[in-house]
Amino acid sequence: MSIDLHIRLIDLGAAALALLCPLALAADELALMNAERIGPLRIGQPAVEAERRIDCPLQRGPVQRWGADNDYHRSWEALTCGLTLDLIAAEPAGPWTLNTITLTRPSVWKTGRGIGLGSTEAEVLAAYGHDRNPEESQTGHTFVAGTVYGGLMFTFRAGRVEQIFLGAAAE
């Protein structure tokens, strides 16, 4: 094999790797979101399964089509449990799956690593420090594990977790 042909093959391999790397990085960025749970709920969980695990009355919002993703969305709120869900479906009648999960008071649920409302910022750092996104986090205010495009976000008030959000906060 000539040197020129060998170099061209190496260049083609590098180009192919460059094309595949963003896909691998995108999957890695969403790994935490896809693996994480809040209480018995997880992103992508069928709505019928999630509903069985919620002990509080649910208020179901209207079905709306979002132009941002061209999918159908619907909110469920269980305010007495401090829970708000965004559900997503390709068709207005479903099937519906969990798209985002938001916890506020008086929820007692915790993340898969044991963080709940009232946990300290230091406890969040100990549990999720390895996954912290420094560009999207703001000490004393927000802690983003993963990314705002798919991750776990903690909001603080007076050094304690006031809200927990799992999902994509941006597109």
C-alpha atoms as a PDB file:
ATOM      1  CA  MET A   1       0.000   0.000   0.000  1.00  0.00           C
ATOM      2  CA  SER A   2       1.376   3.407  -0.906  1.00  0.00           C
ATOM      3  CA  ILE A   3       2.043   6.018   1.732  1.00  0.00           C
ATOM      4  CA  ASP A   4      -0.534   8.380   0.154  1.00  0.00           C
ATOM      5  CA  LEU A   5      -3.257   5.704   0.244  1.00  0.00           C
ATOM      6  CA  HIS A   6      -2.375   4.815   3.838  1.00  0.00           C
ATOM      7  CA  ILE A   7      -2.613   8.487   4.878  1.00  0.00           C
ATOM      8  CA  ARG A   8      -5.958   8.844   3.082  1.00  0.00           C
ATOM      9  CA  LEU A   9      -7.317   5.787   4.927  1.00  0.00           C
ATOM     10  CA  ILE A  10      -6.171   7.239   8.247  1.00  0.00           C
ATOM     11  CA  ASP A  11      -7.846  10.550   7.327  1.00  0.00           C
ATOM     12  CA  LEU A  12     -11.086   8.710   6.460  1.00  0.00           C
ATOM     13  CA  GLY A  13     -10.979   6.851   9.775  1.00  0.00           C
ATOM     14  CA  ALA A  14     -10.433  10.095  11.668  1.00  0.00           C
ATOM     15  CA  ALA A  15     -13.316  11.726   9.779  1.00  0.00           C
ATOM     16  CA  ALA A  16     -15.621   8.803  10.601  1.00  0.00           C
ATOM     17  CA  LEU A  17     -14.609   8.978  14.267  1.00  0.00           C
ATOM     18  CA  ALA A  18     -15.267  12.727  14.301  1.00  0.00           C
ATOM     19  CA  LEU A  19     -18.768  12.101  12.958  1.00  0.00           C
ATOM     20  CA  LEU A  20     -19.512   9.411  15.547  1.00  0.00           C
ATOM     21  CA  CYS A  21     -18.093  11.196  18.606  1.00  0.00           C
ATOM     22  CA  PRO A  22     -20.897  13.792  18.891  1.00  0.00           C
ATOM     23  CA  LEU A  23     -23.407  10.941  18.992  1.00  0.00           C
ATOM     24  CA  ALA A  24     -21.490   9.244  21.790  1.00  0.00           C
ATOM     25  CA  LEU A  25     -21.144  12.529  23.677  1.00  0.00           C
ATOM     26  CA  ALA A  26     -24.866  13.254  23.288  1.00  0.00           C
ATOM     27  CA  ALA A  27     -25.710   9.850  24.726  1.00  0.00           C
ATOM     28  CA  ASP A  28     -23.273  10.392  27.622  1.00  0.00           C
ATOM     29  CA  GLU A  29     -24.800  13.794  28.394  1.00  0.00           C
ATOM     30  CA  LEU A  30     -28.222  12.170  28.843  1.00  0.00           C
ATOM     31  CA  ALA A  31     -27.006   9.102  30.758  1.00  0.00           C
ATOM     32  CA  LEU A  32     -27.629  10.620  34.188  1.00  0.00           C
ATOM     33  CA  MET A  33     -31.124  11.808  33.267  1.00  0.00           C
ATOM     34  CA  ASN A  34     -32.052   8.421  31.838  1.00  0.00           C
ATOM     35  CA  ALA A  35     -30.682   6.490  34.820  1.00  0.00           C
ATOM     36  CA  GLU A  36     -31.967   8.748  37.608  1.00  0.00           C
ATOM     37  CA  ARG A  37     -35.197   8.303  39.577  1.00  0.00           C
ATOM     38  CA  ILE A  38     -37.147  10.633  41.796  1.00  0.00           C
ATOM     39  CA  GLY A  39     -39.094   8.527  44.235  1.00  0.00           C
ATOM     40  CA  PRO A  40     -40.688   5.802  42.092  1.00  0.00           C
ATOM     41  CA  LEU A  41     -40.679   7.913  38.905  1.00  0.00           C
ATOM     42  CA  ARG A  42     -38.230   8.099  35.992  1.00  0.00           C
ATOM     43  CA  ILE A  43     -38.036   9.857  32.644  1.00  0.00           C
ATOM     44  CA  GLY A  44     -39.580   7.790  29.842  1.00  0.00           C
ATOM     45  CA  GLN A  45     -41.813   5.867  32.240  1.00  0.00           C
ATOM     46  CA  PRO A  46     -45.291   5.125  30.859  1.00  0.00           C
ATOM     47  CA  ALA A  47     -47.849   7.505  32.370  1.00  0.00           C
ATOM     48  CA  VAL A  48     -50.177   4.672  33.381  1.00  0.00           C
ATOM     49  CA  GLU A  49     -47.367   3.120  35.433  1.00  0.00           C
ATOM     50  CA  ALA A  50     -46.438   6.476  36.996  1.00  0.00           C
ATOM     51  CA  GLU A  51     -50.053   7.209  37.911  1.00  0.00           C
ATOM     52  CA  ARG A  52     -50.245   3.989  39.951  1.00  0.00           C
ATOM     53  CA  ARG A  53     -47.277   5.190  42.022  1.00  0.00           C
ATOM     54  CA  ILE A  54     -48.716   8.614  42.899  1.00  0.00           C
ATOM     55  CA  ASP A  55     -50.865   8.619  46.036  1.00  0.00           C
ATOM     56  CA  CYS A  56     -52.194  12.174  45.709  1.00  0.00           C
ATOM     57  CA  PRO A  57     -55.037  13.501  43.551  1.00  0.00           C
ATOM     58  CA  LEU A  58     -53.868  14.490  40.075  1.00  0.00           C
ATOM     59  CA  GLN A  59     -55.007  17.543  38.163  1.00  0.00           C
ATOM     60  CA  ARG A  60     -54.563  16.935  34.429  1.00  0.00           C
ATOM     61  CA  GLY A  61     -53.875  19.894  32.187  1.00  0.00           C
ATOM     62  CA  PRO A  62     -54.997  20.209  28.578  1.00  0.00           C
ATOM     63  CA  VAL A  63     -53.185  18.491  25.710  1.00  0.00           C
ATOM     64  CA  GLN A  64     -51.050  20.977  23.780  1.00  0.00           C
ATOM     65  CA  ARG A  65     -48.837  20.570  20.733  1.00  0.00           C
ATOM     66  CA  TRP A  66     -45.467  22.270  21.150  1.00  0.00           C
ATOM     67  CA  GLY A  67     -43.826  23.774  18.104  1.00  0.00           C
ATOM     68  CA  ALA A  68     -40.362  23.315  19.651  1.00  0.00           C
ATOM     69  CA  ASP A  69     -40.480  19.523  19.377  1.00  0.00           C
ATOM     70  CA  ASN A  70     -43.722  18.989  17.417  1.00  0.00           C
ATOM     71  CA  ASP A  71     -44.920  16.570  20.117  1.00  0.00           C
ATOM     72  CA  TYR A  72     -47.969  16.679  22.349  1.00  0.00           C
ATOM     73  CA  HIS A  73     -47.522  17.671  25.988  1.00  0.00           C
ATOM     74  CA  ARG A  74     -49.743  17.536  29.018  1.00  0.00           C
ATOM     75  CA  SER A  75     -49.059  18.545  32.613  1.00  0.00           C
ATOM     76  CA  TRP A  76     -50.123  16.609  35.668  1.00  0.00           C
ATOM     77  CA  GLU A  77     -50.023  18.260  39.061  1.00  0.00           C
ATOM     78  CA  ALA A  78     -50.324  16.601  42.443  1.00  0.00           C
ATOM     79  CA  LEU A  79     -49.941  19.735  44.533  1.00  0.00           C
ATOM     80  CA  THR A  80     -50.624  18.028  47.862  1.00  0.00           C
ATOM     81  CA  CYS A  81     -47.595  15.828  47.080  1.00  0.00           C
ATOM     82  CA  GLY A  82     -45.449  18.689  45.705  1.00  0.00           C
ATOM     83  CA  LEU A  83     -45.262  17.045  42.290  1.00  0.00           C
ATOM     84  CA  THR A  84     -45.550  18.440  38.756  1.00  0.00           C
ATOM     85  CA  LEU A  85     -45.051  16.257  35.681  1.00  0.00           C
ATOM     86  CA  ASP A  86     -44.787  17.004  31.983  1.00  0.00           C
ATOM     87  CA  LEU A  87     -45.946  14.119  29.833  1.00  0.00           C
ATOM     88  CA  ILE A  88     -45.151  13.716  26.157  1.00  0.00           C
ATOM     89  CA  ALA A  89     -46.701  11.770  23.272  1.00  0.00           C
ATOM     90  CA  ALA A  90     -46.407  11.632  19.498  1.00  0.00           C
ATOM     91  CA  GLU A  91     -50.218  11.584  19.141  1.00  0.00           C
ATOM     92  CA  PRO A  92     -52.825  13.586  21.100  1.00  0.00           C
ATOM     93  CA  ALA A  93     -54.385  10.406  22.512  1.00  0.00           C
ATOM     94  CA  GLY A  94     -51.032   8.975  23.638  1.00  0.00           C
ATOM     95  CA  PRO A  95     -49.455   6.739  24.701  1.00  0.00           C
ATOM     96  CA  TRP A  96     -47.994   9.190  27.211  1.00  0.00           C
ATOM     97  CA  THR A  97     -44.605   8.992  28.926  1.00  0.00           C
ATOM     98  CA  LEU A  98     -42.931  11.114  31.607  1.00  0.00           C
ATOM     99  CA  ASN A  99     -40.879  13.907  30.090  1.00  0.00           C
ATOM    100  CA  THR A 100     -40.000  15.989  33.162  1.00  0.00           C
ATOM    101  CA  ILE A 101     -40.471  15.667  36.927  1.00  0.00           C
ATOM    102  CA  THR A 102     -40.486  18.623  39.327  1.00  0.00           C
ATOM    103  CA  LEU A 103     -40.561  18.326  43.123  1.00  0.00           C
ATOM    104  CA  THR A 104     -41.475  21.120  45.522  1.00  0.00           C
ATOM    105  CA  ARG A 105     -42.767  21.155  49.087  1.00  0.00           C
ATOM    106  CA  PRO A 106     -44.290  19.111  50.677  1.00  0.00           C
ATOM    107  CA  SER A 107     -42.745  16.222  48.715  1.00  0.00           C
ATOM    108  CA  VAL A 108     -40.787  13.661  50.711  1.00  0.00           C
ATOM    109  CA  TRP A 109     -39.444  11.802  47.677  1.00  0.00           C
ATOM    110  CA  LYS A 110     -35.715  11.633  47.079  1.00  0.00           C
ATOM    111  CA  THR A 111     -33.443  11.172  44.099  1.00  0.00           C
ATOM    112  CA  GLY A 112     -31.722   7.885  43.413  1.00  0.00           C
ATOM    113  CA  ARG A 113     -28.744   9.118  45.457  1.00  0.00           C
ATOM    114  CA  GLY A 114     -30.820  10.150  48.462  1.00  0.00           C
ATOM    115  CA  ILE A 115     -31.200  13.895  47.935  1.00  0.00           C
ATOM    116  CA  GLY A 116     -34.552  15.455  48.804  1.00  0.00           C
ATOM    117  CA  LEU A 117     -36.059  18.813  49.566  1.00  0.00           C
ATOM    118  CA  GLY A 118     -34.224  20.327  52.513  1.00  0.00           C
ATOM    119  CA  SER A 119     -30.914  18.582  51.712  1.00  0.00           C
ATOM    120  CA  THR A 120     -27.916  20.903  51.972  1.00  0.00           C
ATOM    121  CA  GLU A 121     -25.849  22.118  49.055  1.00  0.00           C
ATOM    122  CA  ALA A 122     -22.908  20.185  50.531  1.00  0.00           C
ATOM    123  CA  GLU A 123     -24.971  16.975  50.479  1.00  0.00           C
ATOM    124  CA  VAL A 124     -25.869  17.574  46.818  1.00  0.00           C
ATOM    125  CA  LEU A 125     -22.206  18.166  46.007  1.00  0.00           C
ATOM    126  CA  ALA A 126     -21.214  14.952  47.804  1.00  0.00           C
ATOM    127  CA  ALA A 127     -23.856  12.930  45.942  1.00  0.00           C
ATOM    128  CA  TYR A 128     -23.613  14.525  42.474  1.00  0.00           C
ATOM    129  CA  GLY A 129     -20.287  16.392  42.442  1.00  0.00           C
ATOM    130  CA  HIS A 130     -18.845  14.072  39.801  1.00  0.00           C
ATOM    131  CA  ASP A 131     -21.791  14.911  37.494  1.00  0.00           C
ATOM    132  CA  ARG A 132     -21.815  18.667  38.190  1.00  0.00           C
ATOM    133  CA  ASN A 133     -21.922  20.929  35.153  1.00  0.00           C
ATOM    134  CA  PRO A 134     -19.866  23.964  36.228  1.00  0.00           C
ATOM    135  CA  GLU A 135     -20.944  26.130  33.256  1.00  0.00           C
ATOM    136  CA  GLU A 136     -24.638  25.698  34.046  1.00  0.00           C
ATOM    137  CA  SER A 137     -24.437  25.669  37.860  1.00  0.00           C
ATOM    138  CA  GLN A 138     -24.390  28.719  40.094  1.00  0.00           C
ATOM    139  CA  THR A 139     -23.108  28.186  43.637  1.00  0.00           C
ATOM    140  CA  GLY A 140     -25.752  29.049  46.193  1.00  0.00           C
ATOM    141  CA  HIS A 141     -28.522  29.101  43.606  1.00  0.00           C
ATOM    142  CA  THR A 142     -28.550  26.134  41.186  1.00  0.00           C
ATOM    143  CA  PHE A 143     -26.687  22.877  40.791  1.00  0.00           C
ATOM    144  CA  VAL A 144     -26.939  21.118  37.425  1.00  0.00           C
ATOM    145  CA  ALA A 145     -25.935  17.457  37.247  1.00  0.00           C
ATOM    146  CA  GLY A 146     -25.641  16.474  33.604  1.00  0.00           C
ATOM    147  CA  THR A 147     -26.886  19.341  31.456  1.00  0.00           C
ATOM    148  CA  VAL A 148     -29.905  21.612  31.122  1.00  0.00           C
ATOM    149  CA  TYR A 149     -30.636  19.668  27.916  1.00  0.00           C
ATOM    150  CA  GLY A 150     -31.179  16.534  30.001  1.00  0.00           C
ATOM    151  CA  GLY A 151     -30.198  16.276  33.625  1.00  0.00           C
ATOM    152  CA  LEU A 152     -31.000  16.827  37.246  1.00  0.00           C
ATOM    153  CA  MET A 153     -31.300  20.381  38.547  1.00  0.00           C
ATOM    154  CA  PHE A 154     -31.412  21.485  42.160  1.00  0.00           C
ATOM    155  CA  THR A 155     -32.523  24.974  43.198  1.00  0.00           C
ATOM    156  CA  PHE A 156     -31.375  26.268  46.593  1.00  0.00           C
ATOM    157  CA  ARG A 157     -32.739  28.713  49.098  1.00  0.00           C
ATOM    158  CA  ALA A 158     -30.634  29.553  52.139  1.00  0.00           C
ATOM    159  CA  GLY A 159     -28.270  26.666  51.327  1.00  0.00           C
ATOM    160  CA  ARG A 160     -30.984  23.994  51.149  1.00  0.00           C
ATOM    161  CA  VAL A 161     -32.711  22.278  48.228  1.00  0.00           C
ATOM    162  CA  GLU A 162     -35.988  24.034  47.505  1.00  0.00           C
ATOM    163  CA  GLN A 163     -36.817  22.386  44.155  1.00  0.00           C
ATOM    164  CA  ILE A 164     -35.652  19.335  42.215  1.00  0.00           C
ATOM    165  CA  PHE A 165     -36.142  19.036  38.451  1.00  0.00           C
ATOM    166  CA  LEU A 166     -35.358  16.004  36.296  1.00  0.00           C
ATOM    167  CA  GLY A 167     -35.508  16.261  32.520  1.00  0.00           C
ATOM    168  CA  ALA A 168     -34.665  18.742  29.798  1.00  0.00           C
ATOM    169  CA  ALA A 169     -35.028  22.387  30.861  1.00  0.00           C
ATOM    170  CA  ALA A 170     -33.818  23.667  27.481  1.00  0.00           C
ATOM    171  CA  GLU A 171     -33.809  22.500  23.884  1.00  0.00           C
END
